[in-house]
N, C-alpha and C. Protein backbone atom coordinates (compact mmCIF):
# COMPACT_ATOMS: atom_id res chain seq x y z
N MET A 1 -33.56 -15.16 -22.13
CA MET A 1 -32.49 -16.02 -22.59
C MET A 1 -31.72 -16.52 -21.37
N ASN A 2 -31.47 -17.84 -21.33
CA ASN A 2 -30.77 -18.38 -20.18
C ASN A 2 -29.26 -18.18 -20.32
N ASN A 3 -28.53 -18.46 -19.26
CA ASN A 3 -27.09 -18.17 -19.21
C ASN A 3 -26.30 -19.02 -20.21
N ASP A 4 -26.68 -20.27 -20.39
CA ASP A 4 -25.93 -21.13 -21.32
C ASP A 4 -26.05 -20.63 -22.75
N ASP A 5 -27.27 -20.24 -23.16
CA ASP A 5 -27.45 -19.72 -24.51
C ASP A 5 -26.68 -18.42 -24.70
N LEU A 6 -26.71 -17.56 -23.69
CA LEU A 6 -25.99 -16.29 -23.77
C LEU A 6 -24.49 -16.51 -23.85
N ARG A 7 -23.98 -17.47 -23.09
CA ARG A 7 -22.55 -17.79 -23.12
C ARG A 7 -22.15 -18.29 -24.51
N GLU A 8 -22.97 -19.17 -25.08
CA GLU A 8 -22.69 -19.68 -26.42
C GLU A 8 -22.70 -18.56 -27.46
N LEU A 9 -23.66 -17.64 -27.31
CA LEU A 9 -23.74 -16.52 -28.24
C LEU A 9 -22.54 -15.60 -28.11
N LEU A 10 -22.09 -15.36 -26.89
CA LEU A 10 -20.90 -14.53 -26.67
C LEU A 10 -19.65 -15.18 -27.26
N LEU A 11 -19.49 -16.47 -27.04
CA LEU A 11 -18.33 -17.17 -27.60
C LEU A 11 -18.39 -17.19 -29.12
N HIS A 12 -19.58 -17.33 -29.66
CA HIS A 12 -19.76 -17.30 -31.12
C HIS A 12 -19.42 -15.92 -31.67
N SER A 13 -19.77 -14.86 -30.92
CA SER A 13 -19.50 -13.49 -31.39
C SER A 13 -18.01 -13.16 -31.36
N ILE A 14 -17.25 -13.87 -30.56
CA ILE A 14 -15.80 -13.62 -30.51
C ILE A 14 -15.13 -14.17 -31.75
N THR A 15 -15.54 -15.34 -32.19
CA THR A 15 -14.86 -16.00 -33.30
C THR A 15 -15.43 -15.65 -34.67
N GLU A 16 -16.71 -15.33 -34.74
CA GLU A 16 -17.34 -15.07 -36.03
C GLU A 16 -18.22 -13.82 -35.95
N ASP A 17 -18.63 -13.35 -37.12
CA ASP A 17 -19.54 -12.21 -37.16
C ASP A 17 -20.94 -12.67 -36.79
N VAL A 18 -21.65 -11.80 -36.10
CA VAL A 18 -23.03 -12.11 -35.70
C VAL A 18 -23.97 -11.12 -36.37
N SER A 19 -25.21 -11.51 -36.45
CA SER A 19 -26.21 -10.64 -37.09
C SER A 19 -26.56 -9.47 -36.18
N ASP A 20 -27.25 -8.51 -36.75
CA ASP A 20 -27.64 -7.33 -35.97
C ASP A 20 -28.58 -7.72 -34.84
N LYS A 21 -29.44 -8.67 -35.07
CA LYS A 21 -30.38 -9.12 -34.03
C LYS A 21 -29.61 -9.75 -32.87
N GLU A 22 -28.64 -10.59 -33.18
CA GLU A 22 -27.84 -11.21 -32.13
C GLU A 22 -26.98 -10.17 -31.40
N ARG A 23 -26.46 -9.20 -32.14
CA ARG A 23 -25.66 -8.14 -31.52
C ARG A 23 -26.51 -7.35 -30.53
N ARG A 24 -27.75 -7.00 -30.93
CA ARG A 24 -28.67 -6.29 -30.03
C ARG A 24 -28.99 -7.11 -28.79
N LEU A 25 -29.18 -8.41 -28.99
CA LEU A 25 -29.47 -9.30 -27.87
C LEU A 25 -28.29 -9.36 -26.90
N ILE A 26 -27.08 -9.41 -27.43
CA ILE A 26 -25.89 -9.41 -26.57
C ILE A 26 -25.80 -8.10 -25.79
N GLU A 27 -26.03 -6.99 -26.47
CA GLU A 27 -25.95 -5.69 -25.79
C GLU A 27 -27.01 -5.55 -24.72
N GLU A 28 -28.19 -6.08 -24.93
CA GLU A 28 -29.25 -5.97 -23.94
C GLU A 28 -29.03 -6.89 -22.74
N GLU A 29 -28.57 -8.12 -23.01
CA GLU A 29 -28.47 -9.12 -21.96
C GLU A 29 -27.13 -9.10 -21.21
N ALA A 30 -26.02 -8.91 -21.93
CA ALA A 30 -24.71 -9.11 -21.32
C ALA A 30 -24.00 -7.83 -20.92
N ILE A 31 -24.29 -6.73 -21.60
CA ILE A 31 -23.58 -5.49 -21.31
C ILE A 31 -24.43 -4.64 -20.38
N TYR A 32 -23.90 -4.37 -19.21
CA TYR A 32 -24.62 -3.58 -18.22
C TYR A 32 -24.30 -2.11 -18.40
N ASP A 33 -25.28 -1.29 -18.11
CA ASP A 33 -25.09 0.15 -18.20
C ASP A 33 -24.94 0.70 -16.79
N TYR A 34 -23.72 1.07 -16.45
CA TYR A 34 -23.46 1.64 -15.13
C TYR A 34 -23.47 3.16 -15.26
N SER A 35 -24.58 3.74 -14.96
CA SER A 35 -24.66 5.19 -15.00
C SER A 35 -25.23 5.67 -13.67
N PHE A 36 -24.82 6.85 -13.28
CA PHE A 36 -25.24 7.42 -12.03
C PHE A 36 -26.18 8.58 -12.31
N GLY A 37 -27.01 8.87 -11.32
CA GLY A 37 -27.94 9.97 -11.46
C GLY A 37 -27.22 11.31 -11.42
N ASN A 38 -27.96 12.36 -11.71
CA ASN A 38 -27.38 13.71 -11.75
C ASN A 38 -26.89 14.16 -10.39
N ASP A 39 -27.57 13.76 -9.33
CA ASP A 39 -27.20 14.24 -7.99
C ASP A 39 -26.32 13.25 -7.23
N PHE A 40 -25.71 12.28 -7.94
CA PHE A 40 -24.88 11.28 -7.28
C PHE A 40 -23.71 11.90 -6.54
N ARG A 41 -22.99 12.81 -7.19
CA ARG A 41 -21.82 13.44 -6.58
C ARG A 41 -22.19 14.20 -5.32
N GLU A 42 -23.28 14.95 -5.36
CA GLU A 42 -23.70 15.73 -4.20
C GLU A 42 -24.09 14.82 -3.04
N ARG A 43 -24.78 13.71 -3.34
CA ARG A 43 -25.18 12.80 -2.26
C ARG A 43 -23.97 12.15 -1.61
N VAL A 44 -22.98 11.76 -2.42
CA VAL A 44 -21.77 11.15 -1.85
C VAL A 44 -21.02 12.16 -1.00
N MET A 45 -20.86 13.37 -1.49
CA MET A 45 -20.14 14.40 -0.73
C MET A 45 -20.88 14.76 0.56
N ASN A 46 -22.20 14.78 0.52
CA ASN A 46 -22.97 15.06 1.73
C ASN A 46 -22.83 13.96 2.76
N ARG A 47 -22.67 12.71 2.31
CA ARG A 47 -22.46 11.61 3.25
C ARG A 47 -21.06 11.63 3.84
N LEU A 48 -20.08 12.11 3.06
CA LEU A 48 -18.69 12.13 3.53
C LEU A 48 -18.39 13.32 4.42
N GLU A 49 -19.11 14.39 4.30
CA GLU A 49 -18.83 15.61 5.06
C GLU A 49 -18.86 15.39 6.57
N PRO A 50 -19.86 14.73 7.14
CA PRO A 50 -19.82 14.51 8.60
C PRO A 50 -18.65 13.64 9.04
N VAL A 51 -18.24 12.68 8.21
CA VAL A 51 -17.11 11.82 8.56
C VAL A 51 -15.83 12.64 8.59
N LYS A 52 -15.64 13.53 7.61
CA LYS A 52 -14.44 14.34 7.55
C LYS A 52 -14.35 15.28 8.75
N THR A 53 -15.43 15.89 9.13
CA THR A 53 -15.37 16.80 10.27
C THR A 53 -15.18 16.04 11.58
N ARG A 54 -15.70 14.82 11.65
CA ARG A 54 -15.55 14.03 12.85
C ARG A 54 -14.11 13.53 13.01
N LEU A 55 -13.42 13.27 11.88
CA LEU A 55 -12.05 12.77 11.96
C LEU A 55 -11.08 13.80 12.54
N PHE A 56 -11.24 15.04 12.16
CA PHE A 56 -10.29 16.06 12.58
C PHE A 56 -10.84 16.97 13.67
N SER A 57 -11.76 16.47 14.44
CA SER A 57 -12.30 17.29 15.50
C SER A 57 -11.44 17.16 16.75
N GLY A 58 -10.87 18.22 17.17
CA GLY A 58 -10.10 18.45 18.38
C GLY A 58 -9.56 17.27 19.13
N ILE A 59 -10.20 16.92 20.23
CA ILE A 59 -9.65 16.00 21.21
C ILE A 59 -9.53 14.58 20.68
N ASP A 60 -10.45 14.14 19.82
CA ASP A 60 -10.37 12.78 19.27
C ASP A 60 -9.16 12.65 18.36
N PHE A 61 -8.91 13.66 17.56
CA PHE A 61 -7.76 13.62 16.66
C PHE A 61 -6.47 13.61 17.47
N LEU A 62 -6.39 14.44 18.48
CA LEU A 62 -5.17 14.49 19.30
C LEU A 62 -4.97 13.19 20.06
N ARG A 63 -6.05 12.58 20.53
CA ARG A 63 -5.93 11.32 21.26
C ARG A 63 -5.43 10.22 20.33
N SER A 64 -5.95 10.15 19.12
CA SER A 64 -5.49 9.12 18.18
C SER A 64 -4.04 9.39 17.77
N PHE A 65 -3.68 10.66 17.60
CA PHE A 65 -2.30 11.00 17.27
C PHE A 65 -1.37 10.60 18.40
N ASP A 66 -1.79 10.78 19.63
CA ASP A 66 -0.98 10.42 20.80
C ASP A 66 -0.76 8.91 20.85
N ILE A 67 -1.78 8.13 20.56
CA ILE A 67 -1.65 6.67 20.58
C ILE A 67 -0.68 6.22 19.49
N ILE A 68 -0.80 6.79 18.31
CA ILE A 68 0.09 6.42 17.19
C ILE A 68 1.53 6.81 17.52
N PHE A 69 1.73 7.98 18.11
CA PHE A 69 3.08 8.42 18.47
C PHE A 69 3.70 7.48 19.49
N LYS A 70 2.93 7.05 20.47
CA LYS A 70 3.47 6.13 21.47
C LYS A 70 3.89 4.81 20.85
N ARG A 71 3.11 4.30 19.91
CA ARG A 71 3.47 3.03 19.26
C ARG A 71 4.74 3.18 18.44
N VAL A 72 4.86 4.27 17.68
CA VAL A 72 6.05 4.48 16.86
C VAL A 72 7.27 4.71 17.74
N ALA A 73 7.12 5.47 18.81
CA ALA A 73 8.24 5.74 19.70
C ALA A 73 8.71 4.46 20.38
N LEU A 74 7.78 3.62 20.79
CA LEU A 74 8.15 2.36 21.43
C LEU A 74 8.88 1.44 20.45
N ALA A 75 8.40 1.37 19.22
CA ALA A 75 9.07 0.54 18.21
C ALA A 75 10.45 1.09 17.91
N GLY A 76 10.59 2.41 17.79
CA GLY A 76 11.89 3.02 17.53
C GLY A 76 12.88 2.78 18.65
N PHE A 77 12.42 2.91 19.88
CA PHE A 77 13.27 2.67 21.03
C PHE A 77 13.74 1.22 21.07
N THR A 78 12.86 0.30 20.74
CA THR A 78 13.21 -1.12 20.73
C THR A 78 14.27 -1.40 19.66
N VAL A 79 14.12 -0.80 18.49
CA VAL A 79 15.10 -0.99 17.42
C VAL A 79 16.46 -0.43 17.83
N ILE A 80 16.48 0.72 18.47
CA ILE A 80 17.74 1.32 18.93
C ILE A 80 18.44 0.41 19.92
N ILE A 81 17.70 -0.16 20.85
CA ILE A 81 18.28 -1.08 21.85
C ILE A 81 18.84 -2.32 21.16
N ILE A 82 18.11 -2.89 20.22
CA ILE A 82 18.58 -4.09 19.52
C ILE A 82 19.84 -3.79 18.71
N LEU A 83 19.88 -2.65 18.02
CA LEU A 83 21.07 -2.29 17.26
C LEU A 83 22.27 -2.05 18.17
N THR A 84 22.05 -1.43 19.31
CA THR A 84 23.14 -1.20 20.26
C THR A 84 23.70 -2.51 20.78
N ILE A 85 22.83 -3.45 21.10
CA ILE A 85 23.29 -4.76 21.58
C ILE A 85 24.04 -5.50 20.49
N SER A 86 23.57 -5.42 19.24
CA SER A 86 24.27 -6.11 18.15
C SER A 86 25.64 -5.48 17.90
N LEU A 87 25.75 -4.15 18.02
CA LEU A 87 27.07 -3.50 17.90
C LEU A 87 27.99 -3.93 19.03
N LEU A 88 27.47 -4.02 20.22
CA LEU A 88 28.28 -4.43 21.37
C LEU A 88 28.79 -5.86 21.19
N ILE A 89 27.94 -6.73 20.68
CA ILE A 89 28.35 -8.12 20.48
C ILE A 89 29.36 -8.23 19.34
N SER A 90 29.13 -7.53 18.23
CA SER A 90 30.01 -7.70 17.07
C SER A 90 31.34 -6.98 17.23
N GLN A 91 31.38 -5.80 17.88
CA GLN A 91 32.61 -5.03 17.98
C GLN A 91 33.29 -5.17 19.34
N GLY A 92 32.57 -5.53 20.35
CA GLY A 92 33.17 -5.72 21.66
C GLY A 92 33.16 -4.48 22.54
N SER A 93 32.81 -3.32 22.00
CA SER A 93 32.75 -2.11 22.81
C SER A 93 31.76 -1.14 22.19
N LEU A 94 31.44 -0.10 22.93
CA LEU A 94 30.53 0.92 22.43
C LEU A 94 31.22 2.28 22.42
N SER A 95 32.33 2.38 21.74
CA SER A 95 33.03 3.66 21.64
C SER A 95 32.38 4.50 20.54
N TYR A 96 32.82 5.75 20.42
CA TYR A 96 32.30 6.62 19.38
C TYR A 96 32.63 6.09 17.98
N ASP A 97 33.81 5.49 17.83
CA ASP A 97 34.18 4.92 16.54
C ASP A 97 33.24 3.78 16.16
N THR A 98 32.87 2.97 17.13
CA THR A 98 31.96 1.86 16.86
C THR A 98 30.58 2.38 16.47
N LEU A 99 30.11 3.39 17.19
CA LEU A 99 28.78 3.94 16.89
C LEU A 99 28.74 4.63 15.53
N LEU A 100 29.86 5.24 15.12
CA LEU A 100 29.92 5.90 13.82
C LEU A 100 30.27 4.95 12.69
N GLY A 101 30.65 3.71 13.03
CA GLY A 101 30.97 2.73 12.01
C GLY A 101 32.40 2.80 11.54
N LEU A 102 33.26 3.48 12.29
CA LEU A 102 34.67 3.56 11.94
C LEU A 102 35.39 2.37 12.52
N ASP A 103 36.19 1.74 11.72
CA ASP A 103 36.91 0.55 12.18
C ASP A 103 38.38 0.91 12.32
N THR A 104 38.97 0.59 13.46
CA THR A 104 40.38 0.90 13.70
C THR A 104 41.31 -0.16 13.13
N HIS A 105 40.77 -1.31 12.80
CA HIS A 105 41.59 -2.38 12.24
C HIS A 105 41.72 -2.19 10.74
N VAL A 106 42.93 -2.34 10.24
CA VAL A 106 43.19 -2.21 8.81
C VAL A 106 43.21 -3.61 8.21
N ASP A 107 42.47 -3.77 7.15
CA ASP A 107 42.40 -5.07 6.50
C ASP A 107 43.66 -5.28 5.67
N GLU A 108 44.32 -6.41 5.85
CA GLU A 108 45.57 -6.71 5.16
C GLU A 108 45.37 -6.77 3.64
N GLY A 109 44.26 -7.35 3.21
CA GLY A 109 44.01 -7.47 1.80
C GLY A 109 43.82 -6.11 1.13
N LEU A 110 43.20 -5.19 1.83
CA LEU A 110 42.97 -3.86 1.30
C LEU A 110 44.29 -3.11 1.15
N VAL A 111 45.19 -3.26 2.12
CA VAL A 111 46.49 -2.60 2.05
C VAL A 111 47.29 -3.15 0.89
N SER A 112 47.24 -4.46 0.67
CA SER A 112 48.00 -5.05 -0.44
C SER A 112 47.46 -4.58 -1.78
N LEU A 113 46.16 -4.38 -1.89
CA LEU A 113 45.58 -3.87 -3.12
C LEU A 113 45.99 -2.42 -3.37
N LEU A 114 46.08 -1.63 -2.32
CA LEU A 114 46.47 -0.23 -2.46
C LEU A 114 47.94 -0.08 -2.82
N ILE A 115 48.79 -0.97 -2.35
CA ILE A 115 50.21 -0.89 -2.62
C ILE A 115 50.49 -1.21 -4.08
N LYS A 116 49.80 -2.17 -4.65
CA LYS A 116 50.06 -2.57 -6.05
C LYS A 116 49.56 -1.55 -6.95
């Protein structure tokens, strides 16, 4: 059965009832059976085992961890420098109060709200 006929039969089966012969034809042609063999799990696990041992083997793992740590440390250091510069520009100084986010200026509007 070609694809156009099968498509028409599938569309017909959605809107109306089909005969048993047409139902069998749809099941044979359009519905795929995805089943795995009995030893599928063992074969997959046997293929993954060498990869797992190679990932966590001594010096390679430490070398990759060292590279990742350097990248994260460099990015963190860059962010700290940028935040420090933005605090210096916005507040005008780098005192402990500025670094902790404490503001020595009292907002007039806030005081008026507290008084009422």
